[in-house]
Amino acid sequence: MSRVEYRTARVSPDAYTTTAAYTVVTGSEMTMLAYTCLAYTILVATHDIKWKVMGANTSDYSDEVEVQAEATVTAGNASSYAVSVAPYAYYRIKVVDASGGDHGEVTVVGIAKVA
């Protein structure tokens, strides 16, 4: 039996603290030009947060759109987003506090591959 090799890319930025306004999780950007499948997982360590996945076709994200609607993740839990044929060239994660003034700490992992 032969082994199938997949070309993959991975991002796993440092833990990120949310604020009262939506901000990009630094290091969560994925370029999908050489890949087809994308998956993100977010783990929330402290305080509830809201997150969304953004997609764009320009590298400066000037045409970005929301590809996963805002979702709340409670402290101590995880959430994920996956697409088997990524329609956009660039993706990134944005997060915000779920309740005023309670900043959450999140960890994001993103995987891209050719299937």
PDB file of N, CA and C in Angstrom:
ATOM      1  N   MET A   1       0.844  -1.170   0.000  1.00  0.00           N
ATOM      2  CA  MET A   1       0.000   0.000   0.000  1.00  0.00           C
ATOM      3  C   MET A   1       0.893   1.237   0.000  1.00  0.00           C
ATOM      4  N   SER A   2       0.605   2.174  -0.869  1.00  0.00           N
ATOM      5  CA  SER A   2       1.411   3.389  -0.932  1.00  0.00           C
ATOM      6  C   SER A   2       0.859   4.445   0.029  1.00  0.00           C
ATOM      7  N   ARG A   3       1.738   5.281   0.463  1.00  0.00           N
ATOM      8  CA  ARG A   3       1.365   6.337   1.398  1.00  0.00           C
ATOM      9  C   ARG A   3       1.078   7.618   0.610  1.00  0.00           C
ATOM     10  N   VAL A   4      -0.002   8.293   0.957  1.00  0.00           N
ATOM     11  CA  VAL A   4      -0.367   9.540   0.286  1.00  0.00           C
ATOM     12  C   VAL A   4       0.239  10.697   1.073  1.00  0.00           C
ATOM     13  N   GLU A   5       0.992  11.536   0.390  1.00  0.00           N
ATOM     14  CA  GLU A   5       1.586  12.711   1.014  1.00  0.00           C
ATOM     15  C   GLU A   5       0.709  13.925   0.721  1.00  0.00           C
ATOM     16  N   TYR A   6       0.434  14.707   1.743  1.00  0.00           N
ATOM     17  CA  TYR A   6      -0.341  15.926   1.583  1.00  0.00           C
ATOM     18  C   TYR A   6       0.559  17.131   1.806  1.00  0.00           C
ATOM     19  N   ARG A   7       0.428  18.118   0.959  1.00  0.00           N
ATOM     20  CA  ARG A   7       1.115  19.384   1.173  1.00  0.00           C
ATOM     21  C   ARG A   7       0.268  20.161   2.174  1.00  0.00           C
ATOM     22  N   THR A   8       0.892  20.597   3.273  1.00  0.00           N
ATOM     23  CA  THR A   8       0.143  21.306   4.311  1.00  0.00           C
ATOM     24  C   THR A   8       0.864  22.577   4.740  1.00  0.00           C
ATOM     25  N   ALA A   9       0.087  23.472   5.320  1.00  0.00           N
ATOM     26  CA  ALA A   9       0.607  24.687   5.948  1.00  0.00           C
ATOM     27  C   ALA A   9      -0.104  24.816   7.287  1.00  0.00           C
ATOM     28  N   ARG A  10       0.588  25.402   8.242  1.00  0.00           N
ATOM     29  CA  ARG A  10       0.018  25.511   9.594  1.00  0.00           C
ATOM     30  C   ARG A  10       0.369  26.868  10.190  1.00  0.00           C
ATOM     31  N   VAL A  11      -0.606  27.468  10.875  1.00  0.00           N
ATOM     32  CA  VAL A  11      -0.344  28.647  11.692  1.00  0.00           C
ATOM     33  C   VAL A  11      -0.780  28.323  13.108  1.00  0.00           C
ATOM     34  N   SER A  12       0.004  28.738  14.064  1.00  0.00           N
ATOM     35  CA  SER A  12      -0.357  28.575  15.474  1.00  0.00           C
ATOM     36  C   SER A  12       0.257  29.750  16.239  1.00  0.00           C
ATOM     37  N   PRO A  13      -0.374  30.916  16.095  1.00  0.00           N
ATOM     38  CA  PRO A  13       0.172  32.108  16.741  1.00  0.00           C
ATOM     39  C   PRO A  13       0.146  32.009  18.262  1.00  0.00           C
ATOM     40  N   ASP A  14       0.915  32.878  18.908  1.00  0.00           N
ATOM     41  CA  ASP A  14       0.910  32.949  20.365  1.00  0.00           C
ATOM     42  C   ASP A  14      -0.487  33.255  20.874  1.00  0.00           C
ATOM     43  N   ALA A  15      -0.726  32.941  22.141  1.00  0.00           N
ATOM     44  CA  ALA A  15      -2.013  33.269  22.763  1.00  0.00           C
ATOM     45  C   ALA A  15      -2.306  34.753  22.564  1.00  0.00           C
ATOM     46  N   TYR A  16      -3.574  35.072  22.371  1.00  0.00           N
ATOM     47  CA  TYR A  16      -3.989  36.433  22.021  1.00  0.00           C
ATOM     48  C   TYR A  16      -5.079  36.880  22.987  1.00  0.00           C
ATOM     49  N   THR A  17      -5.004  38.123  23.442  1.00  0.00           N
ATOM     50  CA  THR A  17      -6.001  38.661  24.369  1.00  0.00           C
ATOM     51  C   THR A  17      -6.976  39.544  23.604  1.00  0.00           C
ATOM     52  N   THR A  18      -8.271  39.287  23.797  1.00  0.00           N
ATOM     53  CA  THR A  18      -9.302  40.054  23.106  1.00  0.00           C
ATOM     54  C   THR A  18      -9.427  41.458  23.684  1.00  0.00           C
ATOM     55  N   THR A  19     -10.121  42.322  22.943  1.00  0.00           N
ATOM     56  CA  THR A  19     -10.403  43.687  23.370  1.00  0.00           C
ATOM     57  C   THR A  19     -11.901  43.941  23.189  1.00  0.00           C
ATOM     58  N   ALA A  20     -12.326  45.168  23.435  1.00  0.00           N
ATOM     59  CA  ALA A  20     -13.738  45.524  23.319  1.00  0.00           C
ATOM     60  C   ALA A  20     -14.174  45.746  21.876  1.00  0.00           C
ATOM     61  N   ALA A  21     -13.251  45.743  20.924  1.00  0.00           N
ATOM     62  CA  ALA A  21     -13.567  45.891  19.504  1.00  0.00           C
ATOM     63  C   ALA A  21     -12.948  44.723  18.748  1.00  0.00           C
ATOM     64  N   TYR A  22     -13.556  44.351  17.637  1.00  0.00           N
ATOM     65  CA  TYR A  22     -12.999  43.259  16.837  1.00  0.00           C
ATOM     66  C   TYR A  22     -11.587  43.597  16.370  1.00  0.00           C
ATOM     67  N   THR A  23     -10.663  42.658  16.584  1.00  0.00           N
ATOM     68  CA  THR A  23      -9.282  42.789  16.110  1.00  0.00           C
ATOM     69  C   THR A  23      -8.844  41.463  15.488  1.00  0.00           C
ATOM     70  N   VAL A  24      -7.873  41.545  14.615  1.00  0.00           N
ATOM     71  CA  VAL A  24      -7.313  40.363  13.973  1.00  0.00           C
ATOM     72  C   VAL A  24      -6.390  39.653  14.953  1.00  0.00           C
ATOM     73  N   VAL A  25      -6.517  38.341  15.058  1.00  0.00           N
ATOM     74  CA  VAL A  25      -5.569  37.550  15.839  1.00  0.00           C
ATOM     75  C   VAL A  25      -4.265  37.542  15.053  1.00  0.00           C
ATOM     76  N   THR A  26      -3.271  38.222  15.576  1.00  0.00           N
ATOM     77  CA  THR A  26      -1.984  38.344  14.908  1.00  0.00           C
ATOM     78  C   THR A  26      -1.397  36.962  14.630  1.00  0.00           C
ATOM     79  N   GLY A  27      -1.050  36.732  13.365  1.00  0.00           N
ATOM     80  CA  GLY A  27      -0.464  35.449  12.980  1.00  0.00           C
ATOM     81  C   GLY A  27      -1.472  34.417  12.516  1.00  0.00           C
ATOM     82  N   SER A  28      -2.768  34.762  12.501  1.00  0.00           N
ATOM     83  CA  SER A  28      -3.793  33.799  12.083  1.00  0.00           C
ATOM     84  C   SER A  28      -4.016  33.775  10.582  1.00  0.00           C
ATOM     85  N   GLU A  29      -3.334  34.621   9.846  1.00  0.00           N
ATOM     86  CA  GLU A  29      -3.535  34.734   8.400  1.00  0.00           C
ATOM     87  C   GLU A  29      -3.082  33.470   7.672  1.00  0.00           C
ATOM     88  N   MET A  30      -3.923  33.027   6.737  1.00  0.00           N
ATOM     89  CA  MET A  30      -3.598  31.864   5.906  1.00  0.00           C
ATOM     90  C   MET A  30      -3.741  32.264   4.442  1.00  0.00           C
ATOM     91  N   THR A  31      -2.720  31.936   3.644  1.00  0.00           N
ATOM     92  CA  THR A  31      -2.784  32.142   2.203  1.00  0.00           C
ATOM     93  C   THR A  31      -3.121  30.803   1.567  1.00  0.00           C
ATOM     94  N   MET A  32      -4.221  30.766   0.824  1.00  0.00           N
ATOM     95  CA  MET A  32      -4.737  29.506   0.294  1.00  0.00           C
ATOM     96  C   MET A  32      -4.419  29.283  -1.180  1.00  0.00           C
ATOM     97  N   LEU A  33      -3.556  30.082  -1.756  1.00  0.00           N
ATOM     98  CA  LEU A  33      -3.300  29.998  -3.199  1.00  0.00           C
ATOM     99  C   LEU A  33      -2.807  28.622  -3.640  1.00  0.00           C
ATOM    100  N   ALA A  34      -2.109  27.911  -2.785  1.00  0.00           N
ATOM    101  CA  ALA A  34      -1.585  26.593  -3.140  1.00  0.00           C
ATOM    102  C   ALA A  34      -2.313  25.452  -2.430  1.00  0.00           C
ATOM    103  N   TYR A  35      -3.433  25.754  -1.790  1.00  0.00           N
ATOM    104  CA  TYR A  35      -4.151  24.760  -0.977  1.00  0.00           C
ATOM    105  C   TYR A  35      -5.640  24.776  -1.311  1.00  0.00           C
ATOM    106  N   THR A  36      -6.333  23.719  -0.927  1.00  0.00           N
ATOM    107  CA  THR A  36      -7.772  23.649  -1.171  1.00  0.00           C
ATOM    108  C   THR A  36      -8.595  23.603   0.104  1.00  0.00           C
ATOM    109  N   CYS A  37      -8.124  22.937   1.127  1.00  0.00           N
ATOM    110  CA  CYS A  37      -8.886  22.743   2.368  1.00  0.00           C
ATOM    111  C   CYS A  37      -8.334  23.623   3.486  1.00  0.00           C
ATOM    112  N   LEU A  38      -9.234  24.114   4.334  1.00  0.00           N
ATOM    113  CA  LEU A  38      -8.831  24.969   5.442  1.00  0.00           C
ATOM    114  C   LEU A  38      -9.605  24.599   6.692  1.00  0.00           C
ATOM    115  N   ALA A  39      -8.920  24.585   7.821  1.00  0.00           N
ATOM    116  CA  ALA A  39      -9.583  24.375   9.106  1.00  0.00           C
ATOM    117  C   ALA A  39      -8.920  25.253  10.156  1.00  0.00           C
ATOM    118  N   TYR A  40      -9.751  25.909  10.961  1.00  0.00           N
ATOM    119  CA  TYR A  40      -9.294  26.684  12.106  1.00  0.00           C
ATOM    120  C   TYR A  40      -9.934  26.107  13.358  1.00  0.00           C
ATOM    121  N   THR A  41      -9.183  26.085  14.445  1.00  0.00           N
ATOM    122  CA  THR A  41      -9.715  25.764  15.759  1.00  0.00           C
ATOM    123  C   THR A  41      -9.312  26.876  16.697  1.00  0.00           C
ATOM    124  N   ILE A  42     -10.257  27.306  17.538  1.00  0.00           N
ATOM    125  CA  ILE A  42      -9.972  28.331  18.530  1.00  0.00           C
ATOM    126  C   ILE A  42     -10.296  27.758  19.903  1.00  0.00           C
ATOM    127  N   LEU A  43      -9.396  27.958  20.844  1.00  0.00           N
ATOM    128  CA  LEU A  43      -9.577  27.516  22.225  1.00  0.00           C
ATOM    129  C   LEU A  43      -9.564  28.749  23.108  1.00  0.00           C
ATOM    130  N   VAL A  44     -10.563  28.864  23.976  1.00  0.00           N
ATOM    131  CA  VAL A  44     -10.702  30.024  24.842  1.00  0.00           C
ATOM    132  C   VAL A  44     -10.298  29.632  26.264  1.00  0.00           C
ATOM    133  N   ALA A  45      -9.275  30.302  26.776  1.00  0.00           N
ATOM    134  CA  ALA A  45      -8.769  29.979  28.117  1.00  0.00           C
ATOM    135  C   ALA A  45      -9.552  30.721  29.211  1.00  0.00           C
ATOM    136  N   THR A  46      -9.754  32.018  29.013  1.00  0.00           N
ATOM    137  CA  THR A  46     -10.405  32.835  30.046  1.00  0.00           C
ATOM    138  C   THR A  46     -11.478  33.720  29.433  1.00  0.00           C
ATOM    139  N   HIS A  47     -12.562  33.902  30.097  1.00  0.00           N
ATOM    140  CA  HIS A  47     -13.672  34.783  29.703  1.00  0.00           C
ATOM    141  C   HIS A  47     -14.220  34.459  28.311  1.00  0.00           C
ATOM    142  N   ASP A  48     -15.519  34.520  28.184  1.00  0.00           N
ATOM    143  CA  ASP A  48     -16.186  34.241  26.919  1.00  0.00           C
ATOM    144  C   ASP A  48     -15.762  35.253  25.849  1.00  0.00           C
ATOM    145  N   ILE A  49     -15.695  34.785  24.613  1.00  0.00           N
ATOM    146  CA  ILE A  49     -15.321  35.654  23.489  1.00  0.00           C
ATOM    147  C   ILE A  49     -16.271  35.409  22.323  1.00  0.00           C
ATOM    148  N   LYS A  50     -16.207  36.308  21.343  1.00  0.00           N
ATOM    149  CA  LYS A  50     -16.894  36.110  20.074  1.00  0.00           C
ATOM    150  C   LYS A  50     -15.818  36.075  18.993  1.00  0.00           C
ATOM    151  N   TRP A  51     -16.028  35.231  17.996  1.00  0.00           N
ATOM    152  CA  TRP A  51     -15.056  35.143  16.919  1.00  0.00           C
ATOM    153  C   TRP A  51     -15.753  35.013  15.584  1.00  0.00           C
ATOM    154  N   LYS A  52     -15.031  35.338  14.524  1.00  0.00           N
ATOM    155  CA  LYS A  52     -15.517  35.124  13.172  1.00  0.00           C
ATOM    156  C   LYS A  52     -14.325  34.901  12.259  1.00  0.00           C
ATOM    157  N   VAL A  53     -14.587  34.225  11.149  1.00  0.00           N
ATOM    158  CA  VAL A  53     -13.561  33.948  10.155  1.00  0.00           C
ATOM    159  C   VAL A  53     -13.829  34.859   8.967  1.00  0.00           C
ATOM    160  N   MET A  54     -12.767  35.495   8.497  1.00  0.00           N
ATOM    161  CA  MET A  54     -12.865  36.432   7.384  1.00  0.00           C
ATOM    162  C   MET A  54     -12.107  35.866   6.183  1.00  0.00           C
ATOM    163  N   GLY A  55     -12.646  36.085   4.987  1.00  0.00           N
ATOM    164  CA  GLY A  55     -11.990  35.655   3.759  1.00  0.00           C
ATOM    165  C   GLY A  55     -11.855  36.826   2.799  1.00  0.00           C
ATOM    166  N   ALA A  56     -10.843  36.804   1.961  1.00  0.00           N
ATOM    167  CA  ALA A  56     -10.606  37.880   0.995  1.00  0.00           C
ATOM    168  C   ALA A  56      -9.896  37.323  -0.230  1.00  0.00           C
ATOM    169  N   ASN A  57      -9.949  38.078  -1.302  1.00  0.00           N
ATOM    170  CA  ASN A  57      -9.220  37.709  -2.512  1.00  0.00           C
ATOM    171  C   ASN A  57      -8.039  38.621  -2.785  1.00  0.00           C
ATOM    172  N   THR A  58      -7.866  39.650  -1.962  1.00  0.00           N
ATOM    173  CA  THR A  58      -6.687  40.512  -2.068  1.00  0.00           C
ATOM    174  C   THR A  58      -5.866  40.367  -0.797  1.00  0.00           C
ATOM    175  N   SER A  59      -4.564  40.388  -0.932  1.00  0.00           N
ATOM    176  CA  SER A  59      -3.684  40.119   0.211  1.00  0.00           C
ATOM    177  C   SER A  59      -3.744  41.199   1.291  1.00  0.00           C
ATOM    178  N   ASP A  60      -4.268  42.382   0.970  1.00  0.00           N
ATOM    179  CA  ASP A  60      -4.401  43.423   1.990  1.00  0.00           C
ATOM    180  C   ASP A  60      -5.766  43.371   2.691  1.00  0.00           C
ATOM    181  N   TYR A  61      -6.577  42.390   2.350  1.00  0.00           N
ATOM    182  CA  TYR A  61      -7.902  42.161   2.947  1.00  0.00           C
ATOM    183  C   TYR A  61      -8.878  43.321   2.722  1.00  0.00           C
ATOM    184  N   SER A  62      -8.622  44.157   1.728  1.00  0.00           N
ATOM    185  CA  SER A  62      -9.511  45.295   1.476  1.00  0.00           C
ATOM    186  C   SER A  62     -10.890  44.854   0.975  1.00  0.00           C
ATOM    187  N   ASP A  63     -10.996  43.623   0.501  1.00  0.00           N
ATOM    188  CA  ASP A  63     -12.292  43.113   0.034  1.00  0.00           C
ATOM    189  C   ASP A  63     -12.823  41.991   0.935  1.00  0.00           C
ATOM    190  N   GLU A  64     -12.373  41.957   2.193  1.00  0.00           N
ATOM    191  CA  GLU A  64     -12.729  40.832   3.055  1.00  0.00           C
ATOM    192  C   GLU A  64     -14.227  40.773   3.339  1.00  0.00           C
ATOM    193  N   VAL A  65     -14.685  39.537   3.483  1.00  0.00           N
ATOM    194  CA  VAL A  65     -16.070  39.254   3.832  1.00  0.00           C
ATOM    195  C   VAL A  65     -16.079  38.241   4.971  1.00  0.00           C
ATOM    196  N   GLU A  66     -17.170  38.214   5.686  1.00  0.00           N
ATOM    197  CA  GLU A  66     -17.336  37.271   6.790  1.00  0.00           C
ATOM    198  C   GLU A  66     -17.735  35.921   6.205  1.00  0.00           C
ATOM    199  N   VAL A  67     -16.908  34.890   6.422  1.00  0.00           N
ATOM    200  CA  VAL A  67     -17.232  33.558   5.906  1.00  0.00           C
ATOM    201  C   VAL A  67     -17.797  32.647   6.990  1.00  0.00           C
ATOM    202  N   GLN A  68     -17.557  32.996   8.236  1.00  0.00           N
ATOM    203  CA  GLN A  68     -18.245  32.353   9.359  1.00  0.00           C
ATOM    204  C   GLN A  68     -18.803  33.470  10.217  1.00  0.00           C
ATOM    205  N   ALA A  69     -20.094  33.454  10.416  1.00  0.00           N
ATOM    206  CA  ALA A  69     -20.743  34.489  11.208  1.00  0.00           C
ATOM    207  C   ALA A  69     -20.234  34.461  12.647  1.00  0.00           C
ATOM    208  N   GLU A  70     -20.384  35.590  13.301  1.00  0.00           N
ATOM    209  CA  GLU A  70     -19.979  35.720  14.701  1.00  0.00           C
ATOM    210  C   GLU A  70     -20.539  34.567  15.526  1.00  0.00           C
ATOM    211  N   ALA A  71     -19.673  33.978  16.333  1.00  0.00           N
ATOM    212  CA  ALA A  71     -20.069  32.886  17.220  1.00  0.00           C
ATOM    213  C   ALA A  71     -19.432  33.106  18.584  1.00  0.00           C
ATOM    214  N   THR A  72     -20.168  32.818  19.632  1.00  0.00           N
ATOM    215  CA  THR A  72     -19.653  32.948  20.995  1.00  0.00           C
ATOM    216  C   THR A  72     -19.040  31.626  21.432  1.00  0.00           C
ATOM    217  N   VAL A  73     -17.870  31.724  22.066  1.00  0.00           N
ATOM    218  CA  VAL A  73     -17.211  30.554  22.632  1.00  0.00           C
ATOM    219  C   VAL A  73     -16.987  30.860  24.107  1.00  0.00           C
ATOM    220  N   THR A  74     -17.447  29.970  24.975  1.00  0.00           N
ATOM    221  CA  THR A  74     -17.323  30.191  26.411  1.00  0.00           C
ATOM    222  C   THR A  74     -15.952  29.752  26.911  1.00  0.00           C
ATOM    223  N   ALA A  75     -15.537  30.351  28.006  1.00  0.00           N
ATOM    224  CA  ALA A  75     -14.231  30.049  28.594  1.00  0.00           C
ATOM    225  C   ALA A  75     -14.086  28.550  28.834  1.00  0.00           C
ATOM    226  N   GLY A  76     -12.924  28.020  28.469  1.00  0.00           N
ATOM    227  CA  GLY A  76     -12.644  26.601  28.656  1.00  0.00           C
ATOM    228  C   GLY A  76     -13.123  25.719  27.523  1.00  0.00           C
ATOM    229  N   ASN A  77     -13.700  26.316  26.481  1.00  0.00           N
ATOM    230  CA  ASN A  77     -14.222  25.537  25.363  1.00  0.00           C
ATOM    231  C   ASN A  77     -13.546  25.913  24.052  1.00  0.00           C
ATOM    232  N   ALA A  78     -13.854  25.134  23.027  1.00  0.00           N
ATOM    233  CA  ALA A  78     -13.269  25.346  21.704  1.00  0.00           C
ATOM    234  C   ALA A  78     -14.370  25.435  20.661  1.00  0.00           C
ATOM    235  N   SER A  79     -14.005  25.972  19.510  1.00  0.00           N
ATOM    236  CA  SER A  79     -14.897  26.031  18.359  1.00  0.00           C
ATOM    237  C   SER A  79     -14.037  25.846  17.117  1.00  0.00           C
ATOM    238  N   SER A  80     -14.670  25.514  15.991  1.00  0.00           N
ATOM    239  CA  SER A  80     -13.883  25.312  14.783  1.00  0.00           C
ATOM    240  C   SER A  80     -14.643  25.765  13.550  1.00  0.00           C
ATOM    241  N   TYR A  81     -13.880  25.944  12.492  1.00  0.00           N
ATOM    242  CA  TYR A  81     -14.390  26.298  11.175  1.00  0.00           C
ATOM    243  C   TYR A  81     -13.621  25.448  10.177  1.00  0.00           C
ATOM    244  N   ALA A  82     -14.318  24.892   9.201  1.00  0.00           N
ATOM    245  CA  ALA A  82     -13.634  24.103   8.174  1.00  0.00           C
ATOM    246  C   ALA A  82     -14.349  24.246   6.846  1.00  0.00           C
ATOM    247  N   VAL A  83     -13.580  24.231   5.783  1.00  0.00           N
ATOM    248  CA  VAL A  83     -14.127  24.271   4.434  1.00  0.00           C
ATOM    249  C   VAL A  83     -13.269  23.358   3.563  1.00  0.00           C
ATOM    250  N   SER A  84     -13.928  22.496   2.773  1.00  0.00           N
ATOM    251  CA  SER A  84     -13.166  21.535   1.976  1.00  0.00           C
ATOM    252  C   SER A  84     -12.670  22.122   0.658  1.00  0.00           C
ATOM    253  N   VAL A  85     -13.351  23.122   0.134  1.00  0.00           N
ATOM    254  CA  VAL A  85     -12.867  23.844  -1.040  1.00  0.00           C
ATOM    255  C   VAL A  85     -12.958  25.329  -0.704  1.00  0.00           C
ATOM    256  N   ALA A  86     -11.842  25.884  -0.307  1.00  0.00           N
ATOM    257  CA  ALA A  86     -11.801  27.278   0.147  1.00  0.00           C
ATOM    258  C   ALA A  86     -12.002  28.218  -1.045  1.00  0.00           C
ATOM    259  N   PRO A  87     -13.084  29.015  -1.039  1.00  0.00           N
ATOM    260  CA  PRO A  87     -13.357  29.877  -2.191  1.00  0.00           C
ATOM    261  C   PRO A  87     -12.551  31.176  -2.221  1.00  0.00           C
ATOM    262  N   TYR A  88     -11.920  31.543  -1.115  1.00  0.00           N
ATOM    263  CA  TYR A  88     -11.145  32.786  -1.054  1.00  0.00           C
ATOM    264  C   TYR A  88      -9.658  32.476  -0.996  1.00  0.00           C
ATOM    265  N   ALA A  89      -8.843  33.446  -1.360  1.00  0.00           N
ATOM    266  CA  ALA A  89      -7.396  33.266  -1.390  1.00  0.00           C
ATOM    267  C   ALA A  89      -6.741  33.500  -0.035  1.00  0.00           C
ATOM    268  N   TYR A  90      -7.352  34.329   0.799  1.00  0.00           N
ATOM    269  CA  TYR A  90      -6.760  34.719   2.085  1.00  0.00           C
ATOM    270  C   TYR A  90      -7.806  34.638   3.189  1.00  0.00           C
ATOM    271  N   TYR A  91      -7.377  34.152   4.359  1.00  0.00           N
ATOM    272  CA  TYR A  91      -8.267  34.016   5.514  1.00  0.00           C
ATOM    273  C   TYR A  91      -7.570  34.534   6.759  1.00  0.00           C
ATOM    274  N   ARG A  92      -8.376  34.948   7.731  1.00  0.00           N
ATOM    275  CA  ARG A  92      -7.852  35.327   9.043  1.00  0.00           C
ATOM    276  C   ARG A  92      -8.986  35.311  10.057  1.00  0.00           C
ATOM    277  N   ILE A  93      -8.599  35.356  11.331  1.00  0.00           N
ATOM    278  CA  ILE A  93      -9.547  35.292  12.447  1.00  0.00           C
ATOM    279  C   ILE A  93      -9.645  36.657  13.117  1.00  0.00           C
ATOM    280  N   LYS A  94     -10.877  37.042  13.477  1.00  0.00           N
ATOM    281  CA  LYS A  94     -11.101  38.243  14.276  1.00  0.00           C
ATOM    282  C   LYS A  94     -11.837  37.843  15.546  1.00  0.00           C
ATOM    283  N   VAL A  95     -11.476  38.493  16.670  1.00  0.00           N
ATOM    284  CA  VAL A  95     -12.079  38.194  17.969  1.00  0.00           C
ATOM    285  C   VAL A  95     -12.448  39.483  18.701  1.00  0.00           C
ATOM    286  N   VAL A  96     -13.367  39.340  19.675  1.00  0.00           N
ATOM    287  CA  VAL A  96     -13.805  40.455  20.502  1.00  0.00           C
ATOM    288  C   VAL A  96     -14.303  39.899  21.836  1.00  0.00           C
ATOM    289  N   ASP A  97     -14.269  40.740  22.875  1.00  0.00           N
ATOM    290  CA  ASP A  97     -14.839  40.352  24.166  1.00  0.00           C
ATOM    291  C   ASP A  97     -16.320  40.023  23.980  1.00  0.00           C
ATOM    292  N   ALA A  98     -16.819  39.013  24.698  1.00  0.00           N
ATOM    293  CA  ALA A  98     -18.249  38.698  24.644  1.00  0.00           C
ATOM    294  C   ALA A  98     -19.038  39.571  25.600  1.00  0.00           C
ATOM    295  N   SER A  99     -18.386  40.021  26.664  1.00  0.00           N
ATOM    296  CA  SER A  99     -19.057  40.918  27.606  1.00  0.00           C
ATOM    297  C   SER A  99     -18.091  42.048  27.952  1.00  0.00           C
ATOM    298  N   GLY A 100     -18.637  43.238  28.069  1.00  0.00           N
ATOM    299  CA  GLY A 100     -17.836  44.442  28.245  1.00  0.00           C
ATOM    300  C   GLY A 100     -16.744  44.349  29.301  1.00  0.00           C
ATOM    301  N   GLY A 101     -15.515  44.594  28.875  1.00  0.00           N
ATOM    302  CA  GLY A 101     -14.401  44.691  29.799  1.00  0.00           C
ATOM    303  C   GLY A 101     -13.762  43.396  30.239  1.00  0.00           C
ATOM    304  N   ASP A 102     -14.377  42.256  29.949  1.00  0.00           N
ATOM    305  CA  ASP A 102     -13.802  40.967  30.331  1.00  0.00           C
ATOM    306  C   ASP A 102     -13.025  40.404  29.149  1.00  0.00           C
ATOM    307  N   HIS A 103     -11.726  40.641  29.135  1.00  0.00           N
ATOM    308  CA  HIS A 103     -10.882  40.195  28.025  1.00  0.00           C
ATOM    309  C   HIS A 103     -10.621  38.698  28.125  1.00  0.00           C
ATOM    310  N   GLY A 104     -10.763  38.020  27.007  1.00  0.00           N
ATOM    311  CA  GLY A 104     -10.505  36.586  26.956  1.00  0.00           C
ATOM    312  C   GLY A 104      -9.151  36.313  26.337  1.00  0.00           C
ATOM    313  N   GLU A 105      -8.587  35.182  26.676  1.00  0.00           N
ATOM    314  CA  GLU A 105      -7.336  34.758  26.061  1.00  0.00           C
ATOM    315  C   GLU A 105      -7.635  33.571  25.161  1.00  0.00           C
ATOM    316  N   VAL A 106      -7.227  33.688  23.884  1.00  0.00           N
ATOM    317  CA  VAL A 106      -7.529  32.647  22.909  1.00  0.00           C
ATOM    318  C   VAL A 106      -6.254  32.108  22.282  1.00  0.00           C
ATOM    319  N   THR A 107      -6.338  30.862  21.850  1.00  0.00           N
ATOM    320  CA  THR A 107      -5.288  30.224  21.081  1.00  0.00           C
ATOM    321  C   THR A 107      -5.927  29.710  19.794  1.00  0.00           C
ATOM    322  N   VAL A 108      -5.297  30.004  18.668  1.00  0.00           N
ATOM    323  CA  VAL A 108      -5.818  29.621  17.357  1.00  0.00           C
ATOM    324  C   VAL A 108      -4.817  28.702  16.666  1.00  0.00           C
ATOM    325  N   VAL A 109      -5.337  27.699  15.985  1.00  0.00           N
ATOM    326  CA  VAL A 109      -4.531  26.846  15.116  1.00  0.00           C
ATOM    327  C   VAL A 109      -5.238  26.788  13.771  1.00  0.00           C
ATOM    328  N   GLY A 110      -4.498  26.996  12.702  1.00  0.00           N
ATOM    329  CA  GLY A 110      -5.050  26.896  11.362  1.00  0.00           C
ATOM    330  C   GLY A 110      -4.234  25.913  10.546  1.00  0.00           C
ATOM    331  N   ILE A 111      -4.945  25.091   9.762  1.00  0.00           N
ATOM    332  CA  ILE A 111      -4.297  24.099   8.906  1.00  0.00           C
ATOM    333  C   ILE A 111      -4.856  24.255   7.495  1.00  0.00           C
ATOM    334  N   ALA A 112      -3.980  24.297   6.515  1.00  0.00           N
ATOM    335  CA  ALA A 112      -4.384  24.290   5.104  1.00  0.00           C
ATOM    336  C   ALA A 112      -3.710  23.105   4.442  1.00  0.00           C
ATOM    337  N   LYS A 113      -4.428  22.474   3.524  1.00  0.00           N
ATOM    338  CA  LYS A 113      -3.822  21.341   2.812  1.00  0.00           C
ATOM    339  C   LYS A 113      -4.450  21.172   1.439  1.00  0.00           C
ATOM    340  N   VAL A 114      -3.764  20.410   0.622  1.00  0.00           N
ATOM    341  CA  VAL A 114      -4.288  20.015  -0.672  1.00  0.00           C
ATOM    342  C   VAL A 114      -4.857  18.618  -0.497  1.00  0.00           C
ATOM    343  N   ALA A 115      -6.091  18.451  -0.864  1.00  0.00           N
ATOM    344  CA  ALA A 115      -6.736  17.130  -0.678  1.00  0.00           C
ATOM    345  C   ALA A 115      -6.794  16.382  -1.981  1.00  0.00           C
TER     346      ALA A 115
END
